[in-house]
Amino acid sequence: MTPAIDVINVSKVYRRYAQKKQFATLKSAILSGSLLGDLRPEDAFQALKGVSFSVPKGCTYGVIGSNGSGKSTLLKCVAGITRPTEGDVKVDGRISALIELGAGFHPEISGRENIFINGIMLGLTKKEIQRRFDEMVDFAEMQEFIDAPVKTYSSGMYMRLGFAVAVHVDPEVLLVDEVLAVGDQSFTHKCLDKFAEFRRRNKSILLVTHSLDLVEKFCDTAHWLKKGVTQGEGDPKRMVAAYVIDVEDTEEHALAKAEAARVAAAAKTVAAAPDAAAESDPPSGSLDPESGAGPEAAATQGPKDGFKSDEGRWGTREVEITNVTITGPGGDAGHVFQSGDAIHVRMDVHARARVTDFVFGLGLFNADNVCVYGTNTSLEQFRPTEIEGAGVVTFTIDRLDLVEGTYRLDLAAHKVDGYPYDYHRLLYTFRVKSKIRDVGIYRPDHAWSFGGGIKISDQK
C-alpha cells in the first residue's frame, strides 16, 4: 500500500542573515559566481538533516522534540510551503495544513469571505464550500462574528475558524502544528473528537506537539527529532520516555552549570575576608548597615534577615562548608529528580580548629522564594560536642513529596545563637518532575475512595 506521507532523506539548510556581508544584487552574485561560494558553513543553519519516515494511511503520526529541533520545518516541507534542500517528500491525497494560526486569512475582510477564499485554495469548489459552510461556522462557534472583519478576531477565534476550514475540506492528510494549545478545553475536546472521526475514516494525521500526553494517548507512532536529526521512531510511550530522559539530562547540565557559577561567584565575596573576622563577635550573625561595617564585614556577617536576602554566601568560615552534593535514589549526584524520590544532601565541612558550639541547618524554598521547610540540628535537639578538621553532614529525605517545580536550598553552619560560620543562601538548585499536574508545593500521601452510585475508572 502506498503510504500517505513518505519523507525520504530530507535535509533543509537556511542561510543566516547578517549585516557583515550582503550581495549588492542577485545578478552581480550570479555573474561573479559567489552566490554559493560566499556562503560559508558558519553562515548556514541546518534545520533538518537526513530525516526519513513513512506514515501509513489511517495512521496518526506524532513528531516530538524541543524548540528548534526542526519539527515545524519538517511540517512545512510536507505541506509544500518550503522545499527540502536535499531529499524528497511524497504525499498521497488531498492535504490540509494547520501550521500557522490563521495562515492565509486576510485581516480586512470577513470570516465568511475568508472561508470561501481558503476553501478554494484548499481545493474545494464554490458549491462544496456553500454546502459545508454552516457546518464550518457551527464547528468554529462563530455564528455571531462570521461577518466581522478577521482583524477583530481574538487568537482563539482565529484558531477555531482556521481549524474548522482545515478539517471540513475533507482532506486525506491533515497536518497540525501545536495550534490546539490556543483553544479552550471545550474546543480542544471537540478537535480531538474530530481527529478520532478522521482515524475511523482511515484519514492520516501528522501532528507536531509539545503535549506528550496527547502523543501517548492519541498517536500510533512517534518520531523524535533533536537539532534536525532523527533520534528515534516507534511506540509513542517508548519515544516519549526517551525524549523525557534527554530533556532531563539537558536540564541537569544547565542547572549544574548555573549552580557552579553561583557557588564560584559567592566564594569570591568571602575569599578576601581576613582571618581577624573570626576573632570578632558579631551579634547573631547580622549586619547593621549603619554600623560603618565595610564589604569584608558583610562577607563574614551577612544581612539582618537571611530569608529576605538575595543568593550569596557569608560567614567567618571557622567551620566551612567546602562542598555540597545532592544525590538521588541511584546514589549519583544530580539536579533533576522525580516526585517521591529519596534524596540525600551532603555537606563536606572543615573546621580550622577545635569548635564546640556549632549547628548545621537546611532551608528548602520554591521558585517564588516561599519557604517549604526549614530545620537545623539544634531545633532537632542534637547537642554538639566538637568538630575539628574534616567532617561530613548528610540530610536525607526519604520521599521528596513535592509537586513539579524548581526548588532551591539554603545550607548553613553557625553557632547556637546564630553567629554565622558559613551560610550558603539559595546557591543550590534542583528540579522535581512529575506526570501529575497537581498544584501547590507539598504532595501528601493520599488516596481517593468512591461509593454509592459513583462509577469511575483509574487511568494511571
Foldseek 3Di string as FASTA:
>chain_A
DAFQKWWFQFKAKDFADDPPDDDPDPVVCVVVVNPPVVRDPVRMAILAGGDTDTHHFLFEEEEEEDPSLNPLVVLCCQVVVDPTPDTDMDGDWQEFEDRDQLPQADQAFFQLVSLQVVLVVSPDDNVLCVVCVVVLCVLLVCVPGRRPGNNPDDSSSSRSNSLSSRLSSPILEYEYEASLVPYDPVSSVVVVVSVVVSSVVRGYYYYYHNPLVCQQVPGQKYWYGGSNYTPDIGHSVVVVVVNVVVVQVVVFVVQVVQLVVLVVVQCVLAVPQDLCLVVDDDFLLADDPPPPDDSSSCQARPHPDLLPDDFHKYHSQLKDQPDWFKAWPVRDTTFEEAFFTKIKIKTKIAHQAKDQFKKKKKWKAFPVSDTPDIDICVNVPDHGGIDHGIDMDMDIDNGNQWAWGKMFMWIFMAGPSNRGNMIGRRSHMHTYDDPDPDDDTGHDDDDDDDDDPDDDDDPD
